[in-house]
């Protein structure tokens, strides 16, 4: 399941994360949205070879 598809679970996850980190919920919501946006962009770029040189390697940065 994708978290953004279940609004109740997403709201709970945002509330719990904000409480655990001691930060306002709006910051957690914004971070989730930005990360999701970049994930979509990455996936689009991976599918379109015009944007990726043949010797480029995708690496996960933790």
PDB file of N, CA and C in Angstrom:
ATOM      1  N   UNK A   1       0.839  -1.190   0.000  1.00  0.00           N
ATOM      2  CA  UNK A   1       0.000   0.000   0.000  1.00  0.00           C
ATOM      3  C   UNK A   1       0.883   1.252   0.000  1.00  0.00           C
ATOM      4  N   UNK A   2       0.431   2.247  -0.693  1.00  0.00           N
ATOM      5  CA  UNK A   2       1.121   3.528  -0.707  1.00  0.00           C
ATOM      6  C   UNK A   2       0.445   4.434   0.310  1.00  0.00           C
ATOM      7  N   UNK A   3       1.241   5.007   1.181  1.00  0.00           N
ATOM      8  CA  UNK A   3       0.706   5.775   2.300  1.00  0.00           C
ATOM      9  C   UNK A   3      -0.178   6.934   1.851  1.00  0.00           C
ATOM     10  N   UNK A   4       0.190   7.610   0.768  1.00  0.00           N
ATOM     11  CA  UNK A   4      -0.596   8.769   0.335  1.00  0.00           C
ATOM     12  C   UNK A   4      -1.986   8.391  -0.165  1.00  0.00           C
ATOM     13  N   UNK A   5      -2.233   7.106  -0.407  1.00  0.00           N
ATOM     14  CA  UNK A   5      -3.547   6.670  -0.880  1.00  0.00           C
ATOM     15  C   UNK A   5      -4.554   6.498   0.255  1.00  0.00           C
ATOM     16  N   UNK A   6      -4.095   6.402   1.484  1.00  0.00           N
ATOM     17  CA  UNK A   6      -4.973   6.249   2.643  1.00  0.00           C
ATOM     18  C   UNK A   6      -4.814   7.492   3.518  1.00  0.00           C
ATOM     19  N   UNK A   7      -5.741   8.415   3.381  1.00  0.00           N
ATOM     20  CA  UNK A   7      -5.622   9.711   4.053  1.00  0.00           C
ATOM     21  C   UNK A   7      -5.587   9.598   5.576  1.00  0.00           C
ATOM     22  N   UNK A   8      -6.323   8.646   6.132  1.00  0.00           N
ATOM     23  CA  UNK A   8      -6.320   8.477   7.589  1.00  0.00           C
ATOM     24  C   UNK A   8      -4.966   8.000   8.092  1.00  0.00           C
ATOM     25  N   UNK A   9      -4.404   6.997   7.426  1.00  0.00           N
ATOM     26  CA  UNK A   9      -3.105   6.501   7.853  1.00  0.00           C
ATOM     27  C   UNK A   9      -2.014   7.533   7.626  1.00  0.00           C
ATOM     28  N   UNK A  10      -2.114   8.291   6.551  1.00  0.00           N
ATOM     29  CA  UNK A  10      -1.139   9.350   6.295  1.00  0.00           C
ATOM     30  C   UNK A  10      -1.217  10.406   7.394  1.00  0.00           C
ATOM     31  N   UNK A  11      -2.415  10.821   7.762  1.00  0.00           N
ATOM     32  CA  UNK A  11      -2.586  11.816   8.821  1.00  0.00           C
ATOM     33  C   UNK A  11      -2.031  11.299  10.146  1.00  0.00           C
ATOM     34  N   UNK A  12      -2.277  10.015  10.447  1.00  0.00           N
ATOM     35  CA  UNK A  12      -1.737   9.428  11.672  1.00  0.00           C
ATOM     36  C   UNK A  12      -0.212   9.399  11.642  1.00  0.00           C
ATOM     37  N   UNK A  13       0.344   8.993  10.513  1.00  0.00           N
ATOM     38  CA  UNK A  13       1.801   8.927  10.389  1.00  0.00           C
ATOM     39  C   UNK A  13       2.433  10.307  10.538  1.00  0.00           C
ATOM     40  N   UNK A  14       1.815  11.311   9.952  1.00  0.00           N
ATOM     41  CA  UNK A  14       2.333  12.680  10.064  1.00  0.00           C
ATOM     42  C   UNK A  14       2.253  13.157  11.507  1.00  0.00           C
ATOM     43  N   UNK A  15       1.117  12.898  12.161  1.00  0.00           N
ATOM     44  CA  UNK A  15       0.946  13.321  13.547  1.00  0.00           C
ATOM     45  C   UNK A  15       1.970  12.641  14.458  1.00  0.00           C
ATOM     46  N   UNK A  16       2.138  11.335  14.309  1.00  0.00           N
ATOM     47  CA  UNK A  16       3.078  10.589  15.150  1.00  0.00           C
ATOM     48  C   UNK A  16       4.515  11.031  14.905  1.00  0.00           C
ATOM     49  N   UNK A  17       4.876  11.199  13.630  1.00  0.00           N
ATOM     50  CA  UNK A  17       6.234  11.632  13.300  1.00  0.00           C
ATOM     51  C   UNK A  17       6.530  13.008  13.866  1.00  0.00           C
ATOM     52  N   UNK A  18       5.593  13.926  13.731  1.00  0.00           N
ATOM     53  CA  UNK A  18       5.779  15.277  14.269  1.00  0.00           C
ATOM     54  C   UNK A  18       5.937  15.243  15.782  1.00  0.00           C
ATOM     55  N   UNK A  19       5.132  14.415  16.445  1.00  0.00           N
ATOM     56  CA  UNK A  19       5.223  14.308  17.902  1.00  0.00           C
ATOM     57  C   UNK A  19       6.562  13.714  18.325  1.00  0.00           C
ATOM     58  N   UNK A  20       7.002  12.666  17.617  1.00  0.00           N
ATOM     59  CA  UNK A  20       8.279  12.018  17.946  1.00  0.00           C
ATOM     60  C   UNK A  20       9.459  12.974  17.758  1.00  0.00           C
ATOM     61  N   UNK A  21       9.392  13.775  16.696  1.00  0.00           N
ATOM     62  CA  UNK A  21      10.492  14.694  16.400  1.00  0.00           C
ATOM     63  C   UNK A  21      10.361  16.029  17.114  1.00  0.00           C
ATOM     64  N   UNK A  22       9.179  16.291  17.666  1.00  0.00           N
ATOM     65  CA  UNK A  22       8.945  17.551  18.358  1.00  0.00           C
ATOM     66  C   UNK A  22       8.907  18.748  17.423  1.00  0.00           C
ATOM     67  N   UNK A  23       8.358  18.544  16.241  1.00  0.00           N
ATOM     68  CA  UNK A  23       8.262  19.636  15.267  1.00  0.00           C
ATOM     69  C   UNK A  23       6.806  19.763  14.810  1.00  0.00           C
ATOM     70  N   UNK A  24       6.430  20.914  14.250  1.00  0.00           N
ATOM     71  CA  UNK A  24       5.059  21.087  13.769  1.00  0.00           C
ATOM     72  C   UNK A  24       4.720  20.120  12.630  1.00  0.00           C
ATOM     73  N   UNK A  25       3.463  19.701  12.585  1.00  0.00           N
ATOM     74  CA  UNK A  25       3.007  18.765  11.556  1.00  0.00           C
ATOM     75  C   UNK A  25       3.200  19.315  10.151  1.00  0.00           C
ATOM     76  N   UNK A  26       3.075  20.628   9.989  1.00  0.00           N
ATOM     77  CA  UNK A  26       3.196  21.193   8.644  1.00  0.00           C
ATOM     78  C   UNK A  26       4.575  20.939   8.035  1.00  0.00           C
ATOM     79  N   UNK A  27       5.621  20.840   8.887  1.00  0.00           N
ATOM     80  CA  UNK A  27       6.957  20.550   8.369  1.00  0.00           C
ATOM     81  C   UNK A  27       7.060  19.100   7.889  1.00  0.00           C
ATOM     82  N   UNK A  28       6.432  18.185   8.605  1.00  0.00           N
ATOM     83  CA  UNK A  28       6.428  16.779   8.201  1.00  0.00           C
ATOM     84  C   UNK A  28       5.632  16.620   6.906  1.00  0.00           C
ATOM     85  N   UNK A  29       4.495  17.290   6.814  1.00  0.00           N
ATOM     86  CA  UNK A  29       3.683  17.229   5.598  1.00  0.00           C
ATOM     87  C   UNK A  29       4.456  17.758   4.398  1.00  0.00           C
ATOM     88  N   UNK A  30       5.128  18.880   4.586  1.00  0.00           N
ATOM     89  CA  UNK A  30       5.888  19.479   3.486  1.00  0.00           C
ATOM     90  C   UNK A  30       7.029  18.549   3.067  1.00  0.00           C
ATOM     91  N   UNK A  31       7.732  17.966   4.023  1.00  0.00           N
ATOM     92  CA  UNK A  31       8.830  17.056   3.714  1.00  0.00           C
ATOM     93  C   UNK A  31       8.320  15.839   2.935  1.00  0.00           C
ATOM     94  N   UNK A  32       7.190  15.293   3.365  1.00  0.00           N
ATOM     95  CA  UNK A  32       6.588  14.153   2.663  1.00  0.00           C
ATOM     96  C   UNK A  32       6.269  14.528   1.222  1.00  0.00           C
ATOM     97  N   UNK A  33       5.665  15.686   1.037  1.00  0.00           N
ATOM     98  CA  UNK A  33       5.295  16.137  -0.308  1.00  0.00           C
ATOM     99  C   UNK A  33       6.499  16.365  -1.199  1.00  0.00           C
ATOM    100  N   UNK A  34       7.534  16.986  -0.657  1.00  0.00           N
ATOM    101  CA  UNK A  34       8.745  17.250  -1.440  1.00  0.00           C
ATOM    102  C   UNK A  34       9.425  15.940  -1.830  1.00  0.00           C
ATOM    103  N   UNK A  35       9.534  15.018  -0.889  1.00  0.00           N
ATOM    104  CA  UNK A  35      10.165  13.725  -1.183  1.00  0.00           C
ATOM    105  C   UNK A  35       9.374  12.963  -2.237  1.00  0.00           C
ATOM    106  N   UNK A  36       8.064  13.009  -2.143  1.00  0.00           N
ATOM    107  CA  UNK A  36       7.218  12.322  -3.129  1.00  0.00           C
ATOM    108  C   UNK A  36       7.395  12.952  -4.509  1.00  0.00           C
ATOM    109  N   UNK A  37       7.456  14.273  -4.558  1.00  0.00           N
ATOM    110  CA  UNK A  37       7.654  14.978  -5.825  1.00  0.00           C
ATOM    111  C   UNK A  37       8.977  14.558  -6.480  1.00  0.00           C
ATOM    112  N   UNK A  38      10.060  14.553  -5.696  1.00  0.00           N
ATOM    113  CA  UNK A  38      11.359  14.181  -6.252  1.00  0.00           C
ATOM    114  C   UNK A  38      11.399  12.710  -6.666  1.00  0.00           C
ATOM    115  N   UNK A  39      10.683  11.849  -5.950  1.00  0.00           N
ATOM    116  CA  UNK A  39      10.612  10.438  -6.325  1.00  0.00           C
ATOM    117  C   UNK A  39       9.934  10.283  -7.688  1.00  0.00           C
ATOM    118  N   UNK A  40       8.865  11.039  -7.906  1.00  0.00           N
ATOM    119  CA  UNK A  40       8.165  10.999  -9.196  1.00  0.00           C
ATOM    120  C   UNK A  40       9.080  11.522 -10.302  1.00  0.00           C
ATOM    121  N   UNK A  41       9.772  12.620 -10.042  1.00  0.00           N
ATOM    122  CA  UNK A  41      10.702  13.175 -11.034  1.00  0.00           C
ATOM    123  C   UNK A  41      11.785  12.160 -11.386  1.00  0.00           C
ATOM    124  N   UNK A  42      12.346  11.512 -10.377  1.00  0.00           N
ATOM    125  CA  UNK A  42      13.388  10.508 -10.599  1.00  0.00           C
ATOM    126  C   UNK A  42      12.856   9.383 -11.490  1.00  0.00           C
ATOM    127  N   UNK A  43      11.653   8.914 -11.187  1.00  0.00           N
ATOM    128  CA  UNK A  43      11.077   7.812 -11.958  1.00  0.00           C
ATOM    129  C   UNK A  43      10.828   8.213 -13.412  1.00  0.00           C
ATOM    130  N   UNK A  44      10.392   9.441 -13.633  1.00  0.00           N
ATOM    131  CA  UNK A  44      10.170   9.927 -14.997  1.00  0.00           C
ATOM    132  C   UNK A  44      11.494   9.996 -15.744  1.00  0.00           C
ATOM    133  N   UNK A  45      12.521  10.507 -15.093  1.00  0.00           N
ATOM    134  CA  UNK A  45      13.831  10.623 -15.735  1.00  0.00           C
ATOM    135  C   UNK A  45      14.421   9.251 -16.040  1.00  0.00           C
ATOM    136  N   UNK A  46      14.200   8.295 -15.174  1.00  0.00           N
ATOM    137  CA  UNK A  46      14.718   6.946 -15.417  1.00  0.00           C
ATOM    138  C   UNK A  46      14.079   6.322 -16.656  1.00  0.00           C
ATOM    139  N   UNK A  47      12.823   6.643 -16.915  1.00  0.00           N
ATOM    140  CA  UNK A  47      12.125   6.065 -18.065  1.00  0.00           C
ATOM    141  C   UNK A  47      12.484   6.765 -19.372  1.00  0.00           C
ATOM    142  N   UNK A  48      12.930   8.006 -19.300  1.00  0.00           N
ATOM    143  CA  UNK A  48      13.205   8.777 -20.505  1.00  0.00           C
ATOM    144  C   UNK A  48      14.715   8.876 -20.706  1.00  0.00           C
ATOM    145  N   UNK A  49      15.239   8.109 -21.631  1.00  0.00           N
ATOM    146  CA  UNK A  49      16.679   8.032 -21.831  1.00  0.00           C
ATOM    147  C   UNK A  49      17.295   9.321 -22.364  1.00  0.00           C
ATOM    148  N   UNK A  50      16.471  10.250 -22.839  1.00  0.00           N
ATOM    149  CA  UNK A  50      17.027  11.523 -23.331  1.00  0.00           C
ATOM    150  C   UNK A  50      17.691  12.305 -22.218  1.00  0.00           C
ATOM    151  N   UNK A  51      17.282  12.052 -20.963  1.00  0.00           N
ATOM    152  CA  UNK A  51      17.792  12.827 -19.844  1.00  0.00           C
ATOM    153  C   UNK A  51      18.927  12.138 -19.093  1.00  0.00           C
ATOM    154  N   UNK A  52      19.278  10.932 -19.506  1.00  0.00           N
ATOM    155  CA  UNK A  52      20.292  10.182 -18.771  1.00  0.00           C
ATOM    156  C   UNK A  52      21.362   9.710 -19.743  1.00  0.00           C
ATOM    157  N   UNK A  53      22.614  10.042 -19.452  1.00  0.00           N
ATOM    158  CA  UNK A  53      23.698   9.584 -20.316  1.00  0.00           C
ATOM    159  C   UNK A  53      23.905   8.085 -20.122  1.00  0.00           C
ATOM    160  N   UNK A  54      24.433   7.390 -21.110  1.00  0.00           N
ATOM    161  CA  UNK A  54      24.583   5.930 -21.029  1.00  0.00           C
ATOM    162  C   UNK A  54      25.454   5.469 -19.861  1.00  0.00           C
ATOM    163  N   UNK A  55      26.413   6.275 -19.438  1.00  0.00           N
ATOM    164  CA  UNK A  55      27.306   5.852 -18.355  1.00  0.00           C
ATOM    165  C   UNK A  55      26.857   6.343 -16.964  1.00  0.00           C
ATOM    166  N   UNK A  56      25.681   6.949 -16.903  1.00  0.00           N
ATOM    167  CA  UNK A  56      25.165   7.441 -15.612  1.00  0.00           C
ATOM    168  C   UNK A  56      24.668   6.289 -14.779  1.00  0.00           C
ATOM    169  N   UNK A  57      24.969   6.305 -13.476  1.00  0.00           N
ATOM    170  CA  UNK A  57      24.521   5.253 -12.556  1.00  0.00           C
ATOM    171  C   UNK A  57      23.694   5.876 -11.454  1.00  0.00           C
ATOM    172  N   UNK A  58      22.487   5.347 -11.247  1.00  0.00           N
ATOM    173  CA  UNK A  58      21.631   5.816 -10.154  1.00  0.00           C
ATOM    174  C   UNK A  58      22.156   5.234  -8.851  1.00  0.00           C
ATOM    175  N   UNK A  59      22.332   6.076  -7.857  1.00  0.00           N
ATOM    176  CA  UNK A  59      22.793   5.610  -6.559  1.00  0.00           C
ATOM    177  C   UNK A  59      21.857   6.147  -5.492  1.00  0.00           C
ATOM    178  N   UNK A  60      21.590   5.319  -4.498  1.00  0.00           N
ATOM    179  CA  UNK A  60      20.755   5.737  -3.379  1.00  0.00           C
ATOM    180  C   UNK A  60      21.661   6.386  -2.341  1.00  0.00           C
ATOM    181  N   UNK A  61      21.307   7.596  -1.964  1.00  0.00           N
ATOM    182  CA  UNK A  61      22.082   8.320  -0.953  1.00  0.00           C
ATOM    183  C   UNK A  61      21.265   8.343   0.324  1.00  0.00           C
ATOM    184  N   UNK A  62      21.835   7.811   1.368  1.00  0.00           N
ATOM    185  CA  UNK A  62      21.102   7.748   2.645  1.00  0.00           C
ATOM    186  C   UNK A  62      21.293   9.010   3.440  1.00  0.00           C
TER     187      UNK A  62
END
